[in-house]
């Protein structure tokens, strides 16, 4: 889940346009068209989340590991290996 104190930050630079496409599919929640403000918000949040990272866009989460309670996830499980 999203967190202001994340223990997992994932590079989404290669997927941010896909993320916006998926947002556009939720017309019942977001309307027929995403306005420039909505698009700017998505990019802005992704940049904010990556501010301390070596990449431009990210999503930040507080990840829960039930196999290792209280332990942060391994770096190798961050993208596509979870």
PDB file of N, CA and C in Angstrom:
ATOM      1  N   UNK A   1       0.834  -1.183   0.000  1.00  0.00           N
ATOM      2  CA  UNK A   1       0.000   0.000   0.000  1.00  0.00           C
ATOM      3  C   UNK A   1       0.873   1.238   0.000  1.00  0.00           C
ATOM      4  N   UNK A   2       0.351   2.328  -0.494  1.00  0.00           N
ATOM      5  CA  UNK A   2       1.092   3.575  -0.548  1.00  0.00           C
ATOM      6  C   UNK A   2       1.380   4.079   0.863  1.00  0.00           C
ATOM      7  N   UNK A   3       2.554   4.660   1.045  1.00  0.00           N
ATOM      8  CA  UNK A   3       2.947   5.113   2.372  1.00  0.00           C
ATOM      9  C   UNK A   3       3.823   6.354   2.278  1.00  0.00           C
ATOM     10  N   UNK A   4       3.726   7.238   3.281  1.00  0.00           N
ATOM     11  CA  UNK A   4       4.612   8.391   3.343  1.00  0.00           C
ATOM     12  C   UNK A   4       5.966   7.991   3.918  1.00  0.00           C
ATOM     13  N   UNK A   5       6.045   6.823   4.547  1.00  0.00           N
ATOM     14  CA  UNK A   5       7.299   6.277   5.053  1.00  0.00           C
ATOM     15  C   UNK A   5       7.500   4.892   4.442  1.00  0.00           C
ATOM     16  N   UNK A   6       7.788   4.829   3.147  1.00  0.00           N
ATOM     17  CA  UNK A   6       7.866   3.541   2.468  1.00  0.00           C
ATOM     18  C   UNK A   6       9.104   2.736   2.838  1.00  0.00           C
ATOM     19  N   UNK A   7       8.996   1.435   2.706  1.00  0.00           N
ATOM     20  CA  UNK A   7      10.167   0.570   2.813  1.00  0.00           C
ATOM     21  C   UNK A   7      10.442  -0.116   1.469  1.00  0.00           C
ATOM     22  N   UNK A   8       9.681   0.271   0.452  1.00  0.00           N
ATOM     23  CA  UNK A   8       9.864  -0.269  -0.896  1.00  0.00           C
ATOM     24  C   UNK A   8       9.531   0.822  -1.910  1.00  0.00           C
ATOM     25  N   UNK A   9      10.494   1.152  -2.745  1.00  0.00           N
ATOM     26  CA  UNK A   9      10.307   2.153  -3.794  1.00  0.00           C
ATOM     27  C   UNK A   9      10.620   1.467  -5.114  1.00  0.00           C
ATOM     28  N   UNK A  10       9.666   1.525  -6.050  1.00  0.00           N
ATOM     29  CA  UNK A  10       9.784   0.808  -7.315  1.00  0.00           C
ATOM     30  C   UNK A  10       9.864   1.796  -8.470  1.00  0.00           C
ATOM     31  N   UNK A  11      10.843   1.610  -9.345  1.00  0.00           N
ATOM     32  CA  UNK A  11      11.009   2.439 -10.540  1.00  0.00           C
ATOM     33  C   UNK A  11       9.869   2.122 -11.510  1.00  0.00           C
ATOM     34  N   UNK A  12       9.053   3.131 -11.845  1.00  0.00           N
ATOM     35  CA  UNK A  12       7.952   2.931 -12.793  1.00  0.00           C
ATOM     36  C   UNK A  12       8.164   3.731 -14.069  1.00  0.00           C
ATOM     37  N   UNK A  13       9.387   4.186 -14.297  1.00  0.00           N
ATOM     38  CA  UNK A  13       9.679   5.000 -15.470  1.00  0.00           C
ATOM     39  C   UNK A  13       9.244   4.369 -16.781  1.00  0.00           C
ATOM     40  N   UNK A  14       9.404   3.082 -16.897  1.00  0.00           N
ATOM     41  CA  UNK A  14       9.020   2.386 -18.125  1.00  0.00           C
ATOM     42  C   UNK A  14       7.534   2.095 -18.220  1.00  0.00           C
ATOM     43  N   UNK A  15       6.780   2.431 -17.163  1.00  0.00           N
ATOM     44  CA  UNK A  15       5.367   2.063 -17.106  1.00  0.00           C
ATOM     45  C   UNK A  15       4.428   3.227 -16.821  1.00  0.00           C
ATOM     46  N   UNK A  16       4.952   4.430 -16.678  1.00  0.00           N
ATOM     47  CA  UNK A  16       4.093   5.543 -16.259  1.00  0.00           C
ATOM     48  C   UNK A  16       3.016   5.859 -17.304  1.00  0.00           C
ATOM     49  N   UNK A  17       3.343   5.732 -18.593  1.00  0.00           N
ATOM     50  CA  UNK A  17       2.327   5.958 -19.622  1.00  0.00           C
ATOM     51  C   UNK A  17       1.244   4.882 -19.566  1.00  0.00           C
ATOM     52  N   UNK A  18       1.645   3.650 -19.268  1.00  0.00           N
ATOM     53  CA  UNK A  18       0.674   2.564 -19.099  1.00  0.00           C
ATOM     54  C   UNK A  18      -0.210   2.836 -17.885  1.00  0.00           C
ATOM     55  N   UNK A  19       0.382   3.368 -16.836  1.00  0.00           N
ATOM     56  CA  UNK A  19      -0.396   3.726 -15.641  1.00  0.00           C
ATOM     57  C   UNK A  19      -1.477   4.736 -16.002  1.00  0.00           C
ATOM     58  N   UNK A  20      -1.123   5.749 -16.791  1.00  0.00           N
ATOM     59  CA  UNK A  20      -2.115   6.741 -17.213  1.00  0.00           C
ATOM     60  C   UNK A  20      -3.191   6.110 -18.095  1.00  0.00           C
ATOM     61  N   UNK A  21      -2.815   5.189 -18.972  1.00  0.00           N
ATOM     62  CA  UNK A  21      -3.809   4.486 -19.796  1.00  0.00           C
ATOM     63  C   UNK A  21      -4.797   3.739 -18.904  1.00  0.00           C
ATOM     64  N   UNK A  22      -4.298   3.112 -17.861  1.00  0.00           N
ATOM     65  CA  UNK A  22      -5.165   2.354 -16.945  1.00  0.00           C
ATOM     66  C   UNK A  22      -6.088   3.286 -16.167  1.00  0.00           C
ATOM     67  N   UNK A  23      -5.586   4.443 -15.796  1.00  0.00           N
ATOM     68  CA  UNK A  23      -6.436   5.430 -15.124  1.00  0.00           C
ATOM     69  C   UNK A  23      -7.589   5.847 -16.036  1.00  0.00           C
ATOM     70  N   UNK A  24      -7.308   5.972 -17.312  1.00  0.00           N
ATOM     71  CA  UNK A  24      -8.342   6.375 -18.273  1.00  0.00           C
ATOM     72  C   UNK A  24      -9.445   5.326 -18.404  1.00  0.00           C
ATOM     73  N   UNK A  25      -9.185   4.093 -18.023  1.00  0.00           N
ATOM     74  CA  UNK A  25     -10.191   3.021 -18.086  1.00  0.00           C
ATOM     75  C   UNK A  25     -11.239   3.147 -16.983  1.00  0.00           C
ATOM     76  N   UNK A  26     -10.962   3.910 -15.961  1.00  0.00           N
ATOM     77  CA  UNK A  26     -11.866   4.034 -14.812  1.00  0.00           C
ATOM     78  C   UNK A  26     -12.774   5.254 -14.971  1.00  0.00           C
ATOM     79  N   UNK A  27     -13.561   5.251 -16.027  1.00  0.00           N
ATOM     80  CA  UNK A  27     -14.405   6.407 -16.328  1.00  0.00           C
ATOM     81  C   UNK A  27     -15.468   6.652 -15.257  1.00  0.00           C
ATOM     82  N   UNK A  28     -15.902   5.608 -14.557  1.00  0.00           N
ATOM     83  CA  UNK A  28     -16.909   5.813 -13.514  1.00  0.00           C
ATOM     84  C   UNK A  28     -16.342   6.608 -12.342  1.00  0.00           C
ATOM     85  N   UNK A  29     -15.034   6.598 -12.169  1.00  0.00           N
ATOM     86  CA  UNK A  29     -14.407   7.317 -11.067  1.00  0.00           C
ATOM     87  C   UNK A  29     -13.742   8.616 -11.514  1.00  0.00           C
ATOM     88  N   UNK A  30     -13.220   8.623 -12.739  1.00  0.00           N
ATOM     89  CA  UNK A  30     -12.413   9.759 -13.186  1.00  0.00           C
ATOM     90  C   UNK A  30     -13.011  10.520 -14.354  1.00  0.00           C
ATOM     91  N   UNK A  31     -14.130  10.077 -14.881  1.00  0.00           N
ATOM     92  CA  UNK A  31     -14.734  10.757 -16.017  1.00  0.00           C
ATOM     93  C   UNK A  31     -14.211  10.224 -17.340  1.00  0.00           C
ATOM     94  N   UNK A  32     -14.738  10.761 -18.407  1.00  0.00           N
ATOM     95  CA  UNK A  32     -14.389  10.292 -19.743  1.00  0.00           C
ATOM     96  C   UNK A  32     -12.958  10.642 -20.144  1.00  0.00           C
ATOM     97  N   UNK A  33     -12.477  11.781 -19.706  1.00  0.00           N
ATOM     98  CA  UNK A  33     -11.139  12.239 -20.078  1.00  0.00           C
ATOM     99  C   UNK A  33     -10.378  12.661 -18.828  1.00  0.00           C
ATOM    100  N   UNK A  34      -9.097  12.334 -18.784  1.00  0.00           N
ATOM    101  CA  UNK A  34      -8.261  12.871 -17.720  1.00  0.00           C
ATOM    102  C   UNK A  34      -7.883  14.290 -18.111  1.00  0.00           C
ATOM    103  N   UNK A  35      -8.065  15.225 -17.219  1.00  0.00           N
ATOM    104  CA  UNK A  35      -7.676  16.603 -17.512  1.00  0.00           C
ATOM    105  C   UNK A  35      -6.168  16.755 -17.302  1.00  0.00           C
ATOM    106  N   UNK A  36      -5.623  17.853 -17.755  1.00  0.00           N
ATOM    107  CA  UNK A  36      -4.193  18.105 -17.611  1.00  0.00           C
ATOM    108  C   UNK A  36      -3.767  18.078 -16.148  1.00  0.00           C
ATOM    109  N   UNK A  37      -4.641  18.538 -15.279  1.00  0.00           N
ATOM    110  CA  UNK A  37      -4.341  18.532 -13.842  1.00  0.00           C
ATOM    111  C   UNK A  37      -4.191  17.103 -13.317  1.00  0.00           C
ATOM    112  N   UNK A  38      -5.056  16.189 -13.770  1.00  0.00           N
ATOM    113  CA  UNK A  38      -4.967  14.785 -13.348  1.00  0.00           C
ATOM    114  C   UNK A  38      -3.655  14.163 -13.820  1.00  0.00           C
ATOM    115  N   UNK A  39      -3.317  14.399 -15.085  1.00  0.00           N
ATOM    116  CA  UNK A  39      -2.077  13.860 -15.648  1.00  0.00           C
ATOM    117  C   UNK A  39      -0.879  14.442 -14.901  1.00  0.00           C
ATOM    118  N   UNK A  40      -0.913  15.734 -14.653  1.00  0.00           N
ATOM    119  CA  UNK A  40       0.164  16.380 -13.905  1.00  0.00           C
ATOM    120  C   UNK A  40       0.306  15.825 -12.495  1.00  0.00           C
ATOM    121  N   UNK A  41      -0.822  15.493 -11.870  1.00  0.00           N
ATOM    122  CA  UNK A  41      -0.798  14.923 -10.532  1.00  0.00           C
ATOM    123  C   UNK A  41      -0.094  13.570 -10.527  1.00  0.00           C
ATOM    124  N   UNK A  42      -0.437  12.720 -11.513  1.00  0.00           N
ATOM    125  CA  UNK A  42       0.180  11.383 -11.596  1.00  0.00           C
ATOM    126  C   UNK A  42       1.696  11.519 -11.781  1.00  0.00           C
ATOM    127  N   UNK A  43       2.117  12.361 -12.716  1.00  0.00           N
ATOM    128  CA  UNK A  43       3.548  12.558 -12.938  1.00  0.00           C
ATOM    129  C   UNK A  43       4.218  13.196 -11.717  1.00  0.00           C
ATOM    130  N   UNK A  44       3.553  14.157 -11.112  1.00  0.00           N
ATOM    131  CA  UNK A  44       4.112  14.835  -9.941  1.00  0.00           C
ATOM    132  C   UNK A  44       4.307  13.904  -8.758  1.00  0.00           C
ATOM    133  N   UNK A  45       3.320  13.050  -8.497  1.00  0.00           N
ATOM    134  CA  UNK A  45       3.440  12.086  -7.396  1.00  0.00           C
ATOM    135  C   UNK A  45       4.558  11.089  -7.673  1.00  0.00           C
ATOM    136  N   UNK A  46       4.680  10.668  -8.927  1.00  0.00           N
ATOM    137  CA  UNK A  46       5.734   9.721  -9.290  1.00  0.00           C
ATOM    138  C   UNK A  46       7.117  10.357  -9.137  1.00  0.00           C
ATOM    139  N   UNK A  47       7.237  11.625  -9.484  1.00  0.00           N
ATOM    140  CA  UNK A  47       8.508  12.327  -9.302  1.00  0.00           C
ATOM    141  C   UNK A  47       8.806  12.555  -7.819  1.00  0.00           C
ATOM    142  N   UNK A  48       7.787  12.913  -7.060  1.00  0.00           N
ATOM    143  CA  UNK A  48       7.939  13.120  -5.622  1.00  0.00           C
ATOM    144  C   UNK A  48       8.418  11.841  -4.939  1.00  0.00           C
ATOM    145  N   UNK A  49       7.809  10.719  -5.306  1.00  0.00           N
ATOM    146  CA  UNK A  49       8.179   9.431  -4.711  1.00  0.00           C
ATOM    147  C   UNK A  49       9.611   9.036  -5.032  1.00  0.00           C
ATOM    148  N   UNK A  50      10.119   9.490  -6.169  1.00  0.00           N
ATOM    149  CA  UNK A  50      11.470   9.124  -6.605  1.00  0.00           C
ATOM    150  C   UNK A  50      12.522  10.173  -6.245  1.00  0.00           C
ATOM    151  N   UNK A  51      12.153  11.171  -5.461  1.00  0.00           N
ATOM    152  CA  UNK A  51      13.066  12.283  -5.178  1.00  0.00           C
ATOM    153  C   UNK A  51      14.420  11.842  -4.630  1.00  0.00           C
ATOM    154  N   UNK A  52      14.465  10.789  -3.855  1.00  0.00           N
ATOM    155  CA  UNK A  52      15.722  10.321  -3.253  1.00  0.00           C
ATOM    156  C   UNK A  52      16.307   9.117  -3.999  1.00  0.00           C
ATOM    157  N   UNK A  53      15.751   8.811  -5.141  1.00  0.00           N
ATOM    158  CA  UNK A  53      16.152   7.622  -5.882  1.00  0.00           C
ATOM    159  C   UNK A  53      16.969   7.982  -7.121  1.00  0.00           C
ATOM    160  N   UNK A  54      17.664   7.012  -7.711  1.00  0.00           N
ATOM    161  CA  UNK A  54      18.442   7.284  -8.917  1.00  0.00           C
ATOM    162  C   UNK A  54      17.615   7.250 -10.198  1.00  0.00           C
ATOM    163  N   UNK A  55      16.295   7.182 -10.072  1.00  0.00           N
ATOM    164  CA  UNK A  55      15.418   7.193 -11.235  1.00  0.00           C
ATOM    165  C   UNK A  55      14.396   8.314 -11.083  1.00  0.00           C
ATOM    166  N   UNK A  56      13.694   8.628 -12.161  1.00  0.00           N
ATOM    167  CA  UNK A  56      12.819   9.803 -12.181  1.00  0.00           C
ATOM    168  C   UNK A  56      11.422   9.556 -11.614  1.00  0.00           C
ATOM    169  N   UNK A  57      10.821   8.404 -11.925  1.00  0.00           N
ATOM    170  CA  UNK A  57       9.442   8.122 -11.519  1.00  0.00           C
ATOM    171  C   UNK A  57       9.395   6.846 -10.684  1.00  0.00           C
ATOM    172  N   UNK A  58       8.637   6.885  -9.611  1.00  0.00           N
ATOM    173  CA  UNK A  58       8.500   5.682  -8.784  1.00  0.00           C
ATOM    174  C   UNK A  58       7.138   5.645  -8.111  1.00  0.00           C
ATOM    175  N   UNK A  59       6.864   4.496  -7.541  1.00  0.00           N
ATOM    176  CA  UNK A  59       5.761   4.339  -6.600  1.00  0.00           C
ATOM    177  C   UNK A  59       6.379   3.824  -5.322  1.00  0.00           C
ATOM    178  N   UNK A  60       5.915   4.343  -4.211  1.00  0.00           N
ATOM    179  CA  UNK A  60       6.463   3.994  -2.912  1.00  0.00           C
ATOM    180  C   UNK A  60       5.390   3.293  -2.086  1.00  0.00           C
ATOM    181  N   UNK A  61       5.793   2.243  -1.403  1.00  0.00           N
ATOM    182  CA  UNK A  61       4.863   1.404  -0.649  1.00  0.00           C
ATOM    183  C   UNK A  61       5.438   1.055   0.710  1.00  0.00           C
ATOM    184  N   UNK A  62       4.551   0.694   1.617  1.00  0.00           N
ATOM    185  CA  UNK A  62       4.940   0.012   2.834  1.00  0.00           C
ATOM    186  C   UNK A  62       4.581  -1.436   2.580  1.00  0.00           C
ATOM    187  N   UNK A  63       5.591  -2.252   2.368  1.00  0.00           N
ATOM    188  CA  UNK A  63       5.373  -3.660   2.020  1.00  0.00           C
ATOM    189  C   UNK A  63       5.358  -4.517   3.278  1.00  0.00           C
ATOM    190  N   UNK A  64       4.431  -5.438   3.325  1.00  0.00           N
ATOM    191  CA  UNK A  64       4.312  -6.384   4.423  1.00  0.00           C
ATOM    192  C   UNK A  64       4.793  -7.740   3.940  1.00  0.00           C
ATOM    193  N   UNK A  65       5.705  -8.365   4.675  1.00  0.00           N
ATOM    194  CA  UNK A  65       6.189  -9.695   4.348  1.00  0.00           C
ATOM    195  C   UNK A  65       5.682 -10.636   5.437  1.00  0.00           C
ATOM    196  N   UNK A  66       4.808 -11.530   5.079  1.00  0.00           N
ATOM    197  CA  UNK A  66       4.258 -12.441   6.065  1.00  0.00           C
ATOM    198  C   UNK A  66       5.182 -13.615   6.347  1.00  0.00           C
ATOM    199  N   UNK A  67       6.135 -13.875   5.450  1.00  0.00           N
ATOM    200  CA  UNK A  67       7.099 -14.936   5.706  1.00  0.00           C
ATOM    201  C   UNK A  67       8.231 -14.465   6.624  1.00  0.00           C
ATOM    202  N   UNK A  68       8.440 -13.147   6.700  1.00  0.00           N
ATOM    203  CA  UNK A  68       9.450 -12.554   7.573  1.00  0.00           C
ATOM    204  C   UNK A  68       8.835 -11.341   8.267  1.00  0.00           C
ATOM    205  N   UNK A  69       7.964 -11.542   9.251  1.00  0.00           N
ATOM    206  CA  UNK A  69       7.265 -10.419   9.878  1.00  0.00           C
ATOM    207  C   UNK A  69       8.222  -9.333  10.359  1.00  0.00           C
ATOM    208  N   UNK A  70       7.878  -8.096  10.011  1.00  0.00           N
ATOM    209  CA  UNK A  70       8.643  -6.951  10.433  1.00  0.00           C
ATOM    210  C   UNK A  70       9.887  -6.657   9.626  1.00  0.00           C
ATOM    211  N   UNK A  71      10.187  -7.479   8.620  1.00  0.00           N
ATOM    212  CA  UNK A  71      11.379  -7.261   7.815  1.00  0.00           C
ATOM    213  C   UNK A  71      11.027  -6.590   6.504  1.00  0.00           C
ATOM    214  N   UNK A  72      11.851  -5.620   6.078  1.00  0.00           N
ATOM    215  CA  UNK A  72      11.599  -5.004   4.766  1.00  0.00           C
ATOM    216  C   UNK A  72      11.879  -6.003   3.655  1.00  0.00           C
ATOM    217  N   UNK A  73      11.285  -5.804   2.496  1.00  0.00           N
ATOM    218  CA  UNK A  73      11.491  -6.725   1.385  1.00  0.00           C
ATOM    219  C   UNK A  73      12.923  -6.668   0.877  1.00  0.00           C
ATOM    220  N   UNK A  74      13.367  -7.750   0.265  1.00  0.00           N
ATOM    221  CA  UNK A  74      14.680  -7.804  -0.349  1.00  0.00           C
ATOM    222  C   UNK A  74      14.699  -6.933  -1.585  1.00  0.00           C
ATOM    223  N   UNK A  75      15.800  -6.300  -1.887  1.00  0.00           N
ATOM    224  CA  UNK A  75      15.912  -5.429  -3.054  1.00  0.00           C
ATOM    225  C   UNK A  75      15.609  -6.185  -4.345  1.00  0.00           C
ATOM    226  N   UNK A  76      15.979  -7.462  -4.422  1.00  0.00           N
ATOM    227  CA  UNK A  76      15.771  -8.224  -5.649  1.00  0.00           C
ATOM    228  C   UNK A  76      14.302  -8.467  -5.949  1.00  0.00           C
ATOM    229  N   UNK A  77      13.420  -8.303  -4.982  1.00  0.00           N
ATOM    230  CA  UNK A  77      12.000  -8.553  -5.208  1.00  0.00           C
ATOM    231  C   UNK A  77      11.251  -7.299  -5.603  1.00  0.00           C
ATOM    232  N   UNK A  78      11.947  -6.194  -5.837  1.00  0.00           N
ATOM    233  CA  UNK A  78      11.276  -4.928  -6.076  1.00  0.00           C
ATOM    234  C   UNK A  78      10.511  -4.862  -7.383  1.00  0.00           C
ATOM    235  N   UNK A  79      10.994  -5.427  -8.459  1.00  0.00           N
ATOM    236  CA  UNK A  79      10.327  -5.268  -9.725  1.00  0.00           C
ATOM    237  C   UNK A  79      10.330  -6.578 -10.495  1.00  0.00           C
ATOM    238  N   UNK A  80       9.159  -7.159 -10.629  1.00  0.00           N
ATOM    239  CA  UNK A  80       9.002  -8.326 -11.459  1.00  0.00           C
ATOM    240  C   UNK A  80       9.514  -9.617 -10.866  1.00  0.00           C
ATOM    241  N   UNK A  81      10.017  -9.591  -9.650  1.00  0.00           N
ATOM    242  CA  UNK A  81      10.538 -10.797  -9.031  1.00  0.00           C
ATOM    243  C   UNK A  81       9.818 -11.132  -7.743  1.00  0.00           C
ATOM    244  N   UNK A  82       8.757 -10.385  -7.429  1.00  0.00           N
ATOM    245  CA  UNK A  82       8.042 -10.595  -6.170  1.00  0.00           C
ATOM    246  C   UNK A  82       7.155 -11.819  -6.270  1.00  0.00           C
TER     247      UNK A  82
END
